[in-house]
């Protein structure tokens, strides 16, 4: 089960895993809406509801450890493979994130974040532009993480940059770290 933010990258990684014949089983994914992060009650409800409907011995929960402050409490009784990384960016970048964050406080954008940006920030579209920019004042930059799963959406990145008042850049990272994290999780989920 995965947050919808991961869909572009996860679909690509699962396709590579299948093509490379790394596992001798079919891997299926249930994606939940990306915008659940903005409502913890809804995120909890939808995660639990989806878990009840998935027929599997062991489920991989593809959410960062800090995507919900009560994950440990309400997931305690489920046999899940979970990730120790705090969020989607750490799962995709690995240790590279620490090097970037030393330079500037960064808002990271992935293909999934760019695709879903309007779901998160549509409500603020009619808000005073100065107030919007002030809400992003603690950040130093926008960084699009180019994993290679899509064309770099320069027009949308420019729109987000104008919206936030932050300078933008692109960093090509590929999928190797994310793929490695997914392979480790699948190995944990498979019966020995």
Protein backbone atom coordinates (compact mmCIF):
# COMPACT_ATOMS: atom_id res chain seq x y z
CA UNK A 1 0.00 0.00 0.00
CA UNK A 2 1.43 3.34 -1.01
CA UNK A 3 0.87 7.04 -0.79
CA UNK A 4 -0.07 8.36 -4.23
CA UNK A 5 2.92 10.73 -4.12
CA UNK A 6 5.12 7.74 -4.95
CA UNK A 7 3.13 6.49 -7.93
CA UNK A 8 5.37 7.72 -10.79
CA UNK A 9 8.55 6.44 -9.14
CA UNK A 10 7.06 3.24 -7.71
CA UNK A 11 5.46 2.25 -11.02
CA UNK A 12 8.85 2.70 -12.72
CA UNK A 13 10.73 0.74 -10.03
CA UNK A 14 8.21 -2.12 -10.03
CA UNK A 15 8.45 -2.30 -13.82
CA UNK A 16 12.27 -2.56 -13.54
CA UNK A 17 11.99 -5.21 -10.82
CA UNK A 18 9.61 -7.24 -12.99
CA UNK A 19 11.80 -6.80 -16.08
CA UNK A 20 14.92 -7.82 -14.11
CA UNK A 21 13.03 -10.85 -12.70
CA UNK A 22 14.26 -10.06 -9.20
CA UNK A 23 11.26 -11.73 -7.56
CA UNK A 24 9.23 -14.72 -8.65
CA UNK A 25 5.88 -13.26 -7.65
CA UNK A 26 3.39 -10.61 -8.71
CA UNK A 27 3.68 -7.33 -6.83
CA UNK A 28 0.46 -5.31 -6.69
CA UNK A 29 -0.03 -1.85 -5.24
CA UNK A 30 -2.98 -0.08 -3.68
CA UNK A 31 -2.42 3.66 -3.97
CA UNK A 32 -4.08 6.06 -1.55
CA UNK A 33 -4.71 9.71 -2.37
CA UNK A 34 -1.64 11.91 -2.03
CA UNK A 35 -3.53 14.70 -0.31
CA UNK A 36 -4.31 12.59 2.78
CA UNK A 37 -1.22 14.14 4.43
CA UNK A 38 -3.15 17.33 5.12
CA UNK A 39 -5.80 15.57 7.22
CA UNK A 40 -4.40 13.11 9.77
CA UNK A 41 -7.85 11.77 10.67
CA UNK A 42 -8.61 11.00 7.04
CA UNK A 43 -5.14 9.49 6.50
CA UNK A 44 -5.66 7.16 9.47
CA UNK A 45 -9.18 6.21 8.33
CA UNK A 46 -8.13 5.50 4.74
CA UNK A 47 -4.98 3.56 5.71
CA UNK A 48 -6.94 1.32 8.10
CA UNK A 49 -9.77 0.86 5.61
CA UNK A 50 -7.33 -0.11 2.85
CA UNK A 51 -5.47 -2.51 5.15
CA UNK A 52 -8.74 -4.31 5.92
CA UNK A 53 -9.37 -4.83 2.19
CA UNK A 54 -5.93 -6.04 1.12
CA UNK A 55 -5.62 -9.82 0.98
CA UNK A 56 -1.95 -10.51 1.71
CA UNK A 57 0.07 -12.26 4.39
CA UNK A 58 2.36 -9.26 4.78
CA UNK A 59 1.83 -5.74 3.51
CA UNK A 60 4.44 -3.15 2.68
CA UNK A 61 3.33 0.27 3.88
CA UNK A 62 5.02 2.83 1.66
CA UNK A 63 4.74 5.93 3.80
CA UNK A 64 7.47 7.77 5.62
CA UNK A 65 7.72 7.06 9.33
CA UNK A 66 6.62 10.62 10.12
CA UNK A 67 3.77 10.97 7.62
CA UNK A 68 1.36 10.45 10.51
CA UNK A 69 2.31 11.18 14.14
CA UNK A 70 0.31 8.16 15.39
CA UNK A 71 1.37 5.51 12.85
CA UNK A 72 3.07 3.44 15.58
CA UNK A 73 -0.08 3.45 17.71
CA UNK A 74 -2.78 2.63 15.20
CA UNK A 75 -0.67 0.22 13.10
CA UNK A 76 0.59 -1.78 16.08
CA UNK A 77 -1.63 -4.81 15.41
CA UNK A 78 -0.83 -5.10 11.70
CA UNK A 79 1.91 -7.27 10.20
CA UNK A 80 3.54 -4.62 8.07
CA UNK A 81 6.86 -3.90 6.48
CA UNK A 82 7.51 -0.22 7.21
CA UNK A 83 10.27 2.22 6.41
CA UNK A 84 12.47 4.01 8.94
CA UNK A 85 12.95 7.01 6.64
CA UNK A 86 10.87 10.00 7.73
CA UNK A 87 9.34 10.86 4.38
CA UNK A 88 9.20 10.25 0.64
CA UNK A 89 12.22 12.44 -0.09
CA UNK A 90 14.47 10.44 2.26
CA UNK A 91 13.28 7.21 0.64
CA UNK A 92 14.21 8.54 -2.81
CA UNK A 93 17.41 10.48 -1.97
CA UNK A 94 18.91 8.52 0.91
CA UNK A 95 21.97 10.17 2.48
CA UNK A 96 22.18 12.71 -0.34
CA UNK A 97 19.36 14.66 1.37
CA UNK A 98 21.60 15.60 4.30
CA UNK A 99 24.17 17.16 1.95
CA UNK A 100 21.51 19.24 0.21
CA UNK A 101 19.88 20.41 3.43
CA UNK A 102 23.20 21.66 4.78
CA UNK A 103 23.19 24.23 1.98
CA UNK A 104 19.64 25.60 2.30
CA UNK A 105 16.25 24.78 3.76
CA UNK A 106 14.69 23.05 0.81
CA UNK A 107 11.20 22.25 -0.41
CA UNK A 108 11.59 19.08 -2.41
CA UNK A 109 9.43 18.33 -5.40
CA UNK A 110 9.12 14.92 -7.04
CA UNK A 111 7.02 13.99 -10.06
CA UNK A 112 4.24 13.01 -7.63
CA UNK A 113 4.47 16.26 -5.68
CA UNK A 114 4.36 18.39 -8.82
CA UNK A 115 1.40 16.41 -10.16
CA UNK A 116 -0.48 16.79 -6.87
CA UNK A 117 0.63 20.33 -5.92
CA UNK A 118 -2.75 21.89 -6.71
CA UNK A 119 -4.55 19.36 -4.47
CA UNK A 120 -2.48 20.60 -1.55
CA UNK A 121 -2.49 24.31 -2.27
CA UNK A 122 -5.64 25.02 -4.32
CA UNK A 123 -7.47 26.36 -1.27
CA UNK A 124 -4.86 29.12 -0.95
CA UNK A 125 -5.07 30.27 -4.59
CA UNK A 126 -7.17 33.33 -3.69
CA UNK A 127 -5.10 34.21 -0.62
CA UNK A 128 -3.03 37.37 -0.57
CA UNK A 129 0.21 36.66 -2.49
CA UNK A 130 2.34 38.40 0.13
CA UNK A 131 0.87 36.12 2.83
CA UNK A 132 1.55 33.04 0.70
CA UNK A 133 5.17 34.05 0.10
CA UNK A 134 5.59 34.79 3.81
CA UNK A 135 4.45 31.26 4.66
CA UNK A 136 7.39 29.94 2.60
CA UNK A 137 9.90 32.52 3.94
CA UNK A 138 11.74 30.00 6.12
CA UNK A 139 12.76 28.01 3.05
CA UNK A 140 15.68 28.79 0.79
CA UNK A 141 14.84 26.97 -2.41
CA UNK A 142 12.63 24.60 -4.39
CA UNK A 143 14.42 21.51 -5.65
CA UNK A 144 12.85 19.21 -8.22
CA UNK A 145 14.22 15.70 -7.75
CA UNK A 146 14.59 14.33 -11.28
CA UNK A 147 14.30 10.57 -10.93
CA UNK A 148 14.00 10.13 -14.70
CA UNK A 149 10.40 8.86 -14.61
CA UNK A 150 9.05 11.86 -16.53
CA UNK A 151 10.13 14.94 -18.42
CA UNK A 152 11.14 17.69 -16.04
CA UNK A 153 7.90 19.74 -15.75
CA UNK A 154 9.63 23.11 -16.12
CA UNK A 155 6.41 25.09 -16.63
CA UNK A 156 4.81 23.71 -13.43
CA UNK A 157 8.04 24.15 -11.45
CA UNK A 158 8.16 27.78 -12.61
CA UNK A 159 4.52 28.22 -11.52
CA UNK A 160 5.32 26.78 -8.07
CA UNK A 161 8.41 28.99 -7.83
CA UNK A 162 6.35 32.10 -8.57
CA UNK A 163 3.67 30.97 -6.09
CA UNK A 164 6.18 30.42 -3.26
CA UNK A 165 8.63 33.19 -4.15
CA UNK A 166 11.49 30.68 -3.96
CA UNK A 167 14.28 30.09 -6.46
CA UNK A 168 14.11 26.75 -8.22
CA UNK A 169 16.60 24.16 -9.38
CA UNK A 170 16.65 20.58 -10.61
CA UNK A 171 18.82 17.72 -9.36
CA UNK A 172 19.11 14.52 -11.35
CA UNK A 173 19.18 11.58 -8.93
CA UNK A 174 17.75 8.54 -10.68
CA UNK A 175 15.93 5.71 -8.94
CA UNK A 176 18.73 3.56 -7.53
CA UNK A 177 18.27 4.52 -3.85
CA UNK A 178 14.49 4.21 -4.02
CA UNK A 179 14.72 0.91 -5.91
CA UNK A 180 17.10 -0.46 -3.28
CA UNK A 181 14.65 0.53 -0.51
CA UNK A 182 11.76 -1.16 -2.32
CA UNK A 183 13.76 -4.37 -2.95
CA UNK A 184 14.72 -4.56 0.74
CA UNK A 185 11.07 -4.13 1.74
CA UNK A 186 9.86 -6.82 -0.68
CA UNK A 187 12.50 -9.22 0.65
CA UNK A 188 11.20 -8.59 4.18
CA UNK A 189 7.63 -9.20 3.07
CA UNK A 190 8.26 -12.49 1.27
CA UNK A 191 8.01 -15.75 3.20
CA UNK A 192 11.38 -17.32 3.94
